[in-house]
């Protein structure tokens, strides 16, 4: 995730976009890993998902494909 804002975009618009990406990723991953989510507090979950969004470079435009990418992320993080 780049901190640079593309030309023609407002800071407020980018905040909304980032929030929507986080929500989409969080919801799809939580659906596939409910026990993991239950075992973590809100702050720890947020840090984990934000780390995933920042460090992963998923290529699919579909949120449904994130669960496999998240498994790979967890494997890399725990190695």
N, C-alpha and C. Protein backbone atom coordinates (compact mmCIF):
# COMPACT_ATOMS: atom_id res chain seq x y z
N UNK A 1 0.86 -1.16 0.00
CA UNK A 1 0.00 0.00 0.00
C UNK A 1 0.90 1.21 0.00
N UNK A 2 0.67 2.04 -0.96
CA UNK A 2 1.46 3.26 -1.07
C UNK A 2 0.81 4.37 -0.25
N UNK A 3 1.63 5.19 0.35
CA UNK A 3 1.11 6.34 1.08
C UNK A 3 0.95 7.55 0.16
N UNK A 4 1.47 7.43 -1.06
CA UNK A 4 1.32 8.52 -2.01
C UNK A 4 -0.08 8.52 -2.58
N UNK A 5 -0.63 9.69 -2.72
CA UNK A 5 -1.97 9.81 -3.26
C UNK A 5 -1.88 10.06 -4.77
N UNK A 6 -2.60 9.27 -5.55
CA UNK A 6 -2.59 9.49 -7.00
C UNK A 6 -3.13 10.88 -7.34
N UNK A 7 -2.63 11.43 -8.41
CA UNK A 7 -3.10 12.74 -8.86
C UNK A 7 -4.61 12.69 -9.11
N UNK A 8 -5.28 13.75 -8.72
CA UNK A 8 -6.71 13.84 -8.96
C UNK A 8 -7.58 13.27 -7.86
N UNK A 9 -6.97 12.73 -6.80
CA UNK A 9 -7.73 12.15 -5.69
C UNK A 9 -7.58 13.03 -4.45
N UNK A 10 -8.62 13.11 -3.68
CA UNK A 10 -8.57 13.90 -2.45
C UNK A 10 -8.17 13.00 -1.28
N UNK A 11 -7.65 13.62 -0.23
CA UNK A 11 -7.29 12.87 0.97
C UNK A 11 -8.52 12.21 1.58
N UNK A 12 -9.63 12.91 1.59
CA UNK A 12 -10.87 12.34 2.14
C UNK A 12 -11.32 11.14 1.32
N UNK A 13 -11.23 11.24 0.02
CA UNK A 13 -11.62 10.13 -0.85
C UNK A 13 -10.74 8.92 -0.64
N UNK A 14 -9.44 9.14 -0.44
CA UNK A 14 -8.53 8.02 -0.20
C UNK A 14 -8.79 7.38 1.15
N UNK A 15 -9.15 8.18 2.16
CA UNK A 15 -9.50 7.60 3.47
C UNK A 15 -10.71 6.68 3.33
N UNK A 16 -11.71 7.13 2.59
CA UNK A 16 -12.90 6.32 2.37
C UNK A 16 -12.53 5.04 1.63
N UNK A 17 -11.74 5.16 0.59
CA UNK A 17 -11.31 3.99 -0.19
C UNK A 17 -10.57 2.99 0.70
N UNK A 18 -9.60 3.46 1.47
CA UNK A 18 -8.84 2.56 2.35
C UNK A 18 -9.74 1.89 3.37
N UNK A 19 -10.69 2.64 3.90
CA UNK A 19 -11.62 2.06 4.87
C UNK A 19 -12.46 0.96 4.22
N UNK A 20 -12.92 1.20 3.01
CA UNK A 20 -13.73 0.20 2.32
C UNK A 20 -12.92 -1.05 1.98
N UNK A 21 -11.67 -0.88 1.60
CA UNK A 21 -10.81 -2.03 1.33
C UNK A 21 -10.61 -2.82 2.62
N UNK A 22 -10.33 -2.12 3.72
CA UNK A 22 -10.17 -2.80 5.01
C UNK A 22 -11.44 -3.56 5.38
N UNK A 23 -12.60 -2.91 5.28
CA UNK A 23 -13.86 -3.57 5.64
C UNK A 23 -14.11 -4.81 4.79
N UNK A 24 -13.92 -4.68 3.49
CA UNK A 24 -14.15 -5.81 2.60
C UNK A 24 -13.23 -6.98 2.93
N UNK A 25 -11.95 -6.68 3.12
CA UNK A 25 -10.98 -7.73 3.45
C UNK A 25 -11.32 -8.35 4.80
N UNK A 26 -11.60 -7.52 5.78
CA UNK A 26 -11.90 -8.01 7.12
C UNK A 26 -13.12 -8.92 7.12
N UNK A 27 -14.16 -8.51 6.45
CA UNK A 27 -15.40 -9.31 6.43
C UNK A 27 -15.20 -10.64 5.72
N UNK A 28 -14.51 -10.65 4.60
CA UNK A 28 -14.31 -11.90 3.87
C UNK A 28 -13.39 -12.84 4.64
N UNK A 29 -12.37 -12.30 5.25
CA UNK A 29 -11.45 -13.15 6.00
C UNK A 29 -12.12 -13.67 7.27
N UNK A 30 -12.86 -12.81 7.94
CA UNK A 30 -13.58 -13.24 9.14
C UNK A 30 -14.56 -14.37 8.83
N UNK A 31 -15.21 -14.30 7.67
CA UNK A 31 -16.15 -15.35 7.28
C UNK A 31 -15.46 -16.70 7.12
N UNK A 32 -14.21 -16.69 6.70
CA UNK A 32 -13.48 -17.94 6.50
C UNK A 32 -12.69 -18.40 7.71
N UNK A 33 -12.47 -17.51 8.66
CA UNK A 33 -11.66 -17.81 9.83
C UNK A 33 -12.36 -17.33 11.10
N UNK A 34 -13.59 -17.79 11.34
CA UNK A 34 -14.34 -17.26 12.49
C UNK A 34 -13.70 -17.57 13.84
N UNK A 35 -13.06 -18.73 13.98
CA UNK A 35 -12.43 -19.06 15.26
C UNK A 35 -11.23 -18.15 15.53
N UNK A 36 -10.47 -17.87 14.50
CA UNK A 36 -9.34 -16.96 14.65
C UNK A 36 -9.83 -15.59 15.09
N UNK A 37 -10.88 -15.12 14.43
CA UNK A 37 -11.43 -13.80 14.78
C UNK A 37 -11.96 -13.78 16.20
N UNK A 38 -12.65 -14.82 16.60
CA UNK A 38 -13.20 -14.88 17.96
C UNK A 38 -12.11 -14.88 19.01
N UNK A 39 -10.98 -15.49 18.70
CA UNK A 39 -9.90 -15.60 19.66
C UNK A 39 -9.05 -14.36 19.80
N UNK A 40 -9.26 -13.40 18.93
CA UNK A 40 -8.46 -12.18 18.96
C UNK A 40 -9.33 -11.02 19.43
N UNK A 41 -8.74 -10.08 20.09
CA UNK A 41 -9.44 -8.85 20.44
C UNK A 41 -9.58 -7.96 19.21
N UNK A 42 -10.37 -6.93 19.34
CA UNK A 42 -10.62 -6.01 18.22
C UNK A 42 -9.33 -5.38 17.70
N UNK A 43 -8.48 -4.92 18.62
CA UNK A 43 -7.24 -4.25 18.20
C UNK A 43 -6.29 -5.22 17.50
N UNK A 44 -6.14 -6.42 18.04
CA UNK A 44 -5.24 -7.41 17.42
C UNK A 44 -5.75 -7.80 16.04
N UNK A 45 -7.07 -7.95 15.89
CA UNK A 45 -7.65 -8.29 14.59
C UNK A 45 -7.37 -7.17 13.59
N UNK A 46 -7.57 -5.93 14.02
CA UNK A 46 -7.34 -4.78 13.13
C UNK A 46 -5.89 -4.75 12.67
N UNK A 47 -4.97 -4.95 13.59
CA UNK A 47 -3.54 -4.94 13.25
C UNK A 47 -3.22 -6.06 12.26
N UNK A 48 -3.78 -7.23 12.49
CA UNK A 48 -3.54 -8.37 11.60
C UNK A 48 -4.07 -8.08 10.19
N UNK A 49 -5.29 -7.61 10.09
CA UNK A 49 -5.88 -7.34 8.77
C UNK A 49 -5.17 -6.19 8.08
N UNK A 50 -4.84 -5.14 8.81
CA UNK A 50 -4.10 -4.03 8.20
C UNK A 50 -2.74 -4.50 7.70
N UNK A 51 -2.08 -5.37 8.46
CA UNK A 51 -0.80 -5.93 8.01
C UNK A 51 -0.97 -6.76 6.75
N UNK A 52 -2.03 -7.55 6.71
CA UNK A 52 -2.32 -8.34 5.52
C UNK A 52 -2.55 -7.45 4.30
N UNK A 53 -3.36 -6.43 4.46
CA UNK A 53 -3.66 -5.53 3.34
C UNK A 53 -2.39 -4.83 2.87
N UNK A 54 -1.54 -4.40 3.80
CA UNK A 54 -0.30 -3.71 3.42
C UNK A 54 0.72 -4.63 2.77
N UNK A 55 0.89 -5.82 3.32
CA UNK A 55 1.98 -6.70 2.89
C UNK A 55 1.62 -7.62 1.74
N UNK A 56 0.36 -7.85 1.54
CA UNK A 56 -0.06 -8.76 0.47
C UNK A 56 -0.25 -7.97 -0.81
N UNK A 57 -0.05 -8.65 -1.89
CA UNK A 57 -0.26 -8.04 -3.19
C UNK A 57 -1.17 -8.96 -3.98
N UNK A 58 -2.39 -9.16 -3.44
CA UNK A 58 -3.29 -10.08 -4.13
C UNK A 58 -3.61 -9.54 -5.50
N UNK A 59 -3.75 -10.45 -6.44
CA UNK A 59 -3.94 -10.04 -7.83
C UNK A 59 -5.38 -10.16 -8.28
N UNK A 60 -6.18 -10.90 -7.55
CA UNK A 60 -7.58 -11.06 -7.93
C UNK A 60 -8.40 -9.85 -7.51
N UNK A 61 -9.31 -9.40 -8.35
CA UNK A 61 -10.18 -8.29 -7.97
C UNK A 61 -11.35 -8.73 -7.09
N UNK A 62 -11.43 -10.00 -6.76
CA UNK A 62 -12.57 -10.53 -6.01
C UNK A 62 -12.20 -10.76 -4.55
N UNK A 63 -12.98 -10.18 -3.67
CA UNK A 63 -12.74 -10.37 -2.23
C UNK A 63 -12.84 -11.83 -1.84
N UNK A 64 -13.64 -12.60 -2.53
CA UNK A 64 -13.79 -14.01 -2.22
C UNK A 64 -12.51 -14.81 -2.34
N UNK A 65 -11.56 -14.30 -3.12
CA UNK A 65 -10.28 -14.98 -3.29
C UNK A 65 -9.28 -14.67 -2.18
N UNK A 66 -9.67 -13.79 -1.26
CA UNK A 66 -8.73 -13.36 -0.23
C UNK A 66 -8.41 -14.44 0.80
N UNK A 67 -9.31 -15.37 1.01
CA UNK A 67 -9.07 -16.36 2.05
C UNK A 67 -7.82 -17.18 1.79
N UNK A 68 -7.60 -17.58 0.54
CA UNK A 68 -6.38 -18.32 0.23
C UNK A 68 -5.15 -17.44 0.39
N UNK A 69 -5.25 -16.20 -0.05
CA UNK A 69 -4.13 -15.26 0.12
C UNK A 69 -3.83 -15.05 1.60
N UNK A 70 -4.88 -15.02 2.42
CA UNK A 70 -4.70 -14.84 3.86
C UNK A 70 -4.01 -16.05 4.47
N UNK A 71 -4.35 -17.24 4.01
CA UNK A 71 -3.66 -18.45 4.49
C UNK A 71 -2.16 -18.36 4.19
N UNK A 72 -1.83 -17.93 2.99
CA UNK A 72 -0.42 -17.78 2.62
C UNK A 72 0.26 -16.72 3.48
N UNK A 73 -0.44 -15.63 3.74
CA UNK A 73 0.08 -14.56 4.60
C UNK A 73 0.37 -15.10 6.00
N UNK A 74 -0.58 -15.84 6.57
CA UNK A 74 -0.39 -16.40 7.90
C UNK A 74 0.81 -17.35 7.93
N UNK A 75 0.96 -18.16 6.88
CA UNK A 75 2.09 -19.08 6.81
C UNK A 75 3.41 -18.32 6.78
N UNK A 76 3.47 -17.24 6.00
CA UNK A 76 4.70 -16.44 5.94
C UNK A 76 4.97 -15.76 7.28
N UNK A 77 3.94 -15.26 7.92
CA UNK A 77 4.10 -14.55 9.19
C UNK A 77 4.53 -15.47 10.32
N UNK A 78 4.09 -16.72 10.26
CA UNK A 78 4.42 -17.65 11.34
C UNK A 78 5.72 -18.41 11.09
N UNK A 79 6.30 -18.24 9.91
CA UNK A 79 7.55 -18.96 9.58
C UNK A 79 8.74 -18.34 10.26
